[in-house]
Amino acid sequence: MAELTLDIARKILDVALAKGVEIKLKPLVVTVLDARGCVKISAAQDGTSLMRSEIAHGKAWGALAMGMGSRALFQRAQEQAYFVSAVNTMAQGRLIPVPGGVLIQDGGVLLGAVGVSGDTSDNDEICAIAGIEAAGLKANPG
């Protein structure tokens, strides 16, 4: 597989949302970006709060922009706060450096990223990983 198709992105999104329901999380937003950073698909469950879509997008976009899952970006922000702050300034505030943004890989090929927001960052990440793995792809959270 050399690209993230809409069918694959839809599978990732559906499973990520279903995982949230299964483990009884707060309403989620899931956004799937292709390797260029363009939205492939995004959906919000009923009851999500106002900024969840932007946060999910920022988690996925930040993972792509930095070439690391947002969990790794979170760890880097703790170790090098000035660096991540400066990068986020250059990115016009589009990075959300907390878990929940996971790179999608097929072998060594980067296909895109998933961002999930709505519950705790760790739970958001669990849902993103579940969606990616259900599509038969490798999830790289960090």
C-alpha atoms as a PDB file:
ATOM      1  CA  MET A   1       0.000   0.000   0.000  1.00  0.00           C
ATOM      2  CA  ALA A   2       1.499   3.328  -0.992  1.00  0.00           C
ATOM      3  CA  GLU A   3      -1.240   5.748  -0.005  1.00  0.00           C
ATOM      4  CA  LEU A   4      -3.926   6.323   2.552  1.00  0.00           C
ATOM      5  CA  THR A   5      -7.198   5.779   0.715  1.00  0.00           C
ATOM      6  CA  LEU A   6     -10.545   7.143   1.842  1.00  0.00           C
ATOM      7  CA  ASP A   7     -11.733   3.593   2.598  1.00  0.00           C
ATOM      8  CA  ILE A   8      -8.761   2.986   4.888  1.00  0.00           C
ATOM      9  CA  ALA A   9      -9.169   6.383   6.553  1.00  0.00           C
ATOM     10  CA  ARG A  10     -12.861   5.644   7.110  1.00  0.00           C
ATOM     11  CA  LYS A  11     -11.982   2.292   8.734  1.00  0.00           C
ATOM     12  CA  ILE A  12      -9.496   4.008  11.052  1.00  0.00           C
ATOM     13  CA  LEU A  13     -12.072   6.633  12.005  1.00  0.00           C
ATOM     14  CA  ASP A  14     -14.908   4.146  12.554  1.00  0.00           C
ATOM     15  CA  VAL A  15     -12.839   1.837  14.756  1.00  0.00           C
ATOM     16  CA  ALA A  16     -11.359   4.729  16.755  1.00  0.00           C
ATOM     17  CA  LEU A  17     -14.845   6.070  17.502  1.00  0.00           C
ATOM     18  CA  ALA A  18     -16.157   2.575  18.311  1.00  0.00           C
ATOM     19  CA  LYS A  19     -13.241   2.028  20.724  1.00  0.00           C
ATOM     20  CA  GLY A  20     -14.221   5.189  22.567  1.00  0.00           C
ATOM     21  CA  VAL A  21     -17.792   3.938  22.922  1.00  0.00           C
ATOM     22  CA  GLU A  22     -16.581   0.484  23.988  1.00  0.00           C
ATOM     23  CA  ILE A  23     -14.449   1.834  26.830  1.00  0.00           C
ATOM     24  CA  LYS A  24     -17.038   4.488  27.730  1.00  0.00           C
ATOM     25  CA  LEU A  25     -15.072   7.634  26.950  1.00  0.00           C
ATOM     26  CA  LYS A  26     -16.418  11.148  26.609  1.00  0.00           C
ATOM     27  CA  PRO A  27     -17.515  12.099  23.049  1.00  0.00           C
ATOM     28  CA  LEU A  28     -14.577  12.126  20.637  1.00  0.00           C
ATOM     29  CA  VAL A  29     -13.457  13.846  17.475  1.00  0.00           C
ATOM     30  CA  VAL A  30     -11.236  11.816  15.137  1.00  0.00           C
ATOM     31  CA  THR A  31      -9.314  13.426  12.278  1.00  0.00           C
ATOM     32  CA  VAL A  32      -7.266  11.466   9.749  1.00  0.00           C
ATOM     33  CA  LEU A  33      -4.675  13.353   7.693  1.00  0.00           C
ATOM     34  CA  ASP A  34      -2.791  12.018   4.691  1.00  0.00           C
ATOM     35  CA  ALA A  35       0.996  12.301   4.418  1.00  0.00           C
ATOM     36  CA  ARG A  36       0.662  15.823   2.957  1.00  0.00           C
ATOM     37  CA  GLY A  37      -1.251  16.961   6.035  1.00  0.00           C
ATOM     38  CA  CYS A  38      -4.566  17.238   4.208  1.00  0.00           C
ATOM     39  CA  VAL A  39      -7.759  16.071   5.895  1.00  0.00           C
ATOM     40  CA  LYS A  40      -8.835  12.694   4.542  1.00  0.00           C
ATOM     41  CA  ILE A  41     -11.773  12.329   6.931  1.00  0.00           C
ATOM     42  CA  SER A  42     -12.955  13.793  10.218  1.00  0.00           C
ATOM     43  CA  ALA A  43     -15.989  13.212  12.428  1.00  0.00           C
ATOM     44  CA  ALA A  44     -17.281  14.332  15.804  1.00  0.00           C
ATOM     45  CA  GLN A  45     -19.516  12.296  18.051  1.00  0.00           C
ATOM     46  CA  ASP A  46     -22.600  14.006  19.415  1.00  0.00           C
ATOM     47  CA  GLY A  47     -21.803  16.115  22.459  1.00  0.00           C
ATOM     48  CA  THR A  48     -18.187  17.068  21.772  1.00  0.00           C
ATOM     49  CA  SER A  49     -17.094  20.443  23.045  1.00  0.00           C
ATOM     50  CA  LEU A  50     -16.359  23.380  20.779  1.00  0.00           C
ATOM     51  CA  MET A  51     -12.578  23.120  20.223  1.00  0.00           C
ATOM     52  CA  ARG A  52     -12.239  19.338  19.941  1.00  0.00           C
ATOM     53  CA  SER A  53     -12.005  19.333  16.149  1.00  0.00           C
ATOM     54  CA  GLU A  54      -9.160  21.839  16.161  1.00  0.00           C
ATOM     55  CA  ILE A  55      -7.369  19.917  18.914  1.00  0.00           C
ATOM     56  CA  ALA A  56      -7.662  16.567  17.080  1.00  0.00           C
ATOM     57  CA  HIS A  57      -6.357  18.218  13.905  1.00  0.00           C
ATOM     58  CA  GLY A  58      -3.483  19.830  15.830  1.00  0.00           C
ATOM     59  CA  LYS A  59      -2.431  16.531  17.362  1.00  0.00           C
ATOM     60  CA  ALA A  60      -2.302  14.823  13.948  1.00  0.00           C
ATOM     61  CA  TRP A  61      -0.775  17.815  12.147  1.00  0.00           C
ATOM     62  CA  GLY A  62       1.912  18.245  14.824  1.00  0.00           C
ATOM     63  CA  ALA A  63       2.844  14.564  14.551  1.00  0.00           C
ATOM     64  CA  LEU A  64       3.279  14.914  10.787  1.00  0.00           C
ATOM     65  CA  ALA A  65       5.082  18.247  11.007  1.00  0.00           C
ATOM     66  CA  MET A  66       7.629  16.952  13.496  1.00  0.00           C
ATOM     67  CA  GLY A  67       7.861  13.372  12.209  1.00  0.00           C
ATOM     68  CA  MET A  68       6.985  11.904  15.600  1.00  0.00           C
ATOM     69  CA  GLY A  69       3.827  10.933  17.406  1.00  0.00           C
ATOM     70  CA  SER A  70       2.422  13.577  19.715  1.00  0.00           C
ATOM     71  CA  ARG A  71       3.390  11.483  22.771  1.00  0.00           C
ATOM     72  CA  ALA A  72       7.045  11.918  21.722  1.00  0.00           C
ATOM     73  CA  LEU A  73       6.354  15.589  21.043  1.00  0.00           C
ATOM     74  CA  PHE A  74       4.883  15.868  24.573  1.00  0.00           C
ATOM     75  CA  GLN A  75       8.036  14.312  26.052  1.00  0.00           C
ATOM     76  CA  ARG A  76      10.193  16.641  23.997  1.00  0.00           C
ATOM     77  CA  ALA A  77       8.160  19.625  25.202  1.00  0.00           C
ATOM     78  CA  GLN A  78       8.903  18.605  28.784  1.00  0.00           C
ATOM     79  CA  GLU A  79      12.620  18.288  28.055  1.00  0.00           C
ATOM     80  CA  GLN A  80      12.984  21.212  25.640  1.00  0.00           C
ATOM     81  CA  ALA A  81      10.090  23.547  26.357  1.00  0.00           C
ATOM     82  CA  TYR A  82      11.692  26.534  24.627  1.00  0.00           C
ATOM     83  CA  PHE A  83      12.317  24.547  21.444  1.00  0.00           C
ATOM     84  CA  VAL A  84       8.760  23.198  21.172  1.00  0.00           C
ATOM     85  CA  SER A  85       7.362  26.627  22.016  1.00  0.00           C
ATOM     86  CA  ALA A  86       9.496  28.212  19.278  1.00  0.00           C
ATOM     87  CA  VAL A  87       8.444  25.552  16.748  1.00  0.00           C
ATOM     88  CA  ASN A  88       4.800  26.066  17.685  1.00  0.00           C
ATOM     89  CA  THR A  89       5.225  29.806  17.184  1.00  0.00           C
ATOM     90  CA  MET A  90       6.657  29.136  13.720  1.00  0.00           C
ATOM     91  CA  ALA A  91       3.743  26.766  13.065  1.00  0.00           C
ATOM     92  CA  GLN A  92       1.304  29.537  14.062  1.00  0.00           C
ATOM     93  CA  GLY A  93       0.074  27.565  17.082  1.00  0.00           C
ATOM     94  CA  ARG A  94      -1.016  24.492  15.126  1.00  0.00           C
ATOM     95  CA  LEU A  95       0.929  21.935  17.237  1.00  0.00           C
ATOM     96  CA  ILE A  96      -0.854  20.242  20.117  1.00  0.00           C
ATOM     97  CA  PRO A  97       2.003  18.498  21.965  1.00  0.00           C
ATOM     98  CA  VAL A  98       0.066  15.945  24.020  1.00  0.00           C
ATOM     99  CA  PRO A  99      -0.729  12.256  23.340  1.00  0.00           C
ATOM    100  CA  GLY A 100      -3.484  11.504  20.850  1.00  0.00           C
ATOM    101  CA  GLY A 101      -1.672  12.237  17.573  1.00  0.00           C
ATOM    102  CA  VAL A 102      -0.376   8.996  16.051  1.00  0.00           C
ATOM    103  CA  LEU A 103       1.576   8.473  12.835  1.00  0.00           C
ATOM    104  CA  ILE A 104       0.186   5.908  10.371  1.00  0.00           C
ATOM    105  CA  GLN A 105       2.846   3.726   8.757  1.00  0.00           C
ATOM    106  CA  ASP A 106       2.890   0.850   6.316  1.00  0.00           C
ATOM    107  CA  GLY A 107       6.265  -0.769   6.890  1.00  0.00           C
ATOM    108  CA  GLY A 108       8.645   2.168   6.734  1.00  0.00           C
ATOM    109  CA  VAL A 109       6.320   4.323   4.616  1.00  0.00           C
ATOM    110  CA  LEU A 110       4.545   7.226   6.292  1.00  0.00           C
ATOM    111  CA  LEU A 111       0.905   7.352   5.146  1.00  0.00           C
ATOM    112  CA  GLY A 112      -0.453  10.065   7.434  1.00  0.00           C
ATOM    113  CA  ALA A 113      -1.573  10.645  11.008  1.00  0.00           C
ATOM    114  CA  VAL A 114      -4.624  10.344  13.220  1.00  0.00           C
ATOM    115  CA  GLY A 115      -5.597  12.872  15.860  1.00  0.00           C
ATOM    116  CA  VAL A 116      -8.178  12.130  18.539  1.00  0.00           C
ATOM    117  CA  SER A 117      -9.541  14.530  21.148  1.00  0.00           C
ATOM    118  CA  GLY A 118     -12.331  14.414  23.693  1.00  0.00           C
ATOM    119  CA  ASP A 119     -11.201  12.382  26.676  1.00  0.00           C
ATOM    120  CA  THR A 120      -7.837  12.214  28.434  1.00  0.00           C
ATOM    121  CA  SER A 121      -4.872  12.341  26.088  1.00  0.00           C
ATOM    122  CA  ASP A 122      -3.902   8.760  26.971  1.00  0.00           C
ATOM    123  CA  ASN A 123      -7.414   7.515  26.166  1.00  0.00           C
ATOM    124  CA  ASP A 124      -7.458   9.531  22.936  1.00  0.00           C
ATOM    125  CA  GLU A 125      -4.227   7.791  21.929  1.00  0.00           C
ATOM    126  CA  ILE A 126      -5.676   4.339  22.716  1.00  0.00           C
ATOM    127  CA  CYS A 127      -8.491   5.017  20.245  1.00  0.00           C
ATOM    128  CA  ALA A 128      -6.148   6.291  17.534  1.00  0.00           C
ATOM    129  CA  ILE A 129      -3.948   3.196  17.853  1.00  0.00           C
ATOM    130  CA  ALA A 130      -6.972   0.879  17.762  1.00  0.00           C
ATOM    131  CA  GLY A 131      -8.161   2.445  14.501  1.00  0.00           C
ATOM    132  CA  ILE A 132      -4.777   2.267  12.814  1.00  0.00           C
ATOM    133  CA  GLU A 133      -4.143  -1.333  13.857  1.00  0.00           C
ATOM    134  CA  ALA A 134      -7.642  -2.414  12.762  1.00  0.00           C
ATOM    135  CA  ALA A 135      -6.736  -1.169   9.284  1.00  0.00           C
ATOM    136  CA  GLY A 136      -3.712  -3.495   9.288  1.00  0.00           C
ATOM    137  CA  LEU A 137      -1.228  -0.640   9.591  1.00  0.00           C
ATOM    138  CA  LYS A 138       1.473   0.300  12.097  1.00  0.00           C
ATOM    139  CA  ALA A 139       0.657   2.920  14.716  1.00  0.00           C
ATOM    140  CA  ASN A 140       3.574   5.084  15.824  1.00  0.00           C
ATOM    141  CA  PRO A 141       2.577   7.198  18.847  1.00  0.00           C
ATOM    142  CA  GLY A 142       6.086   8.199  19.752  1.00  0.00           C
END
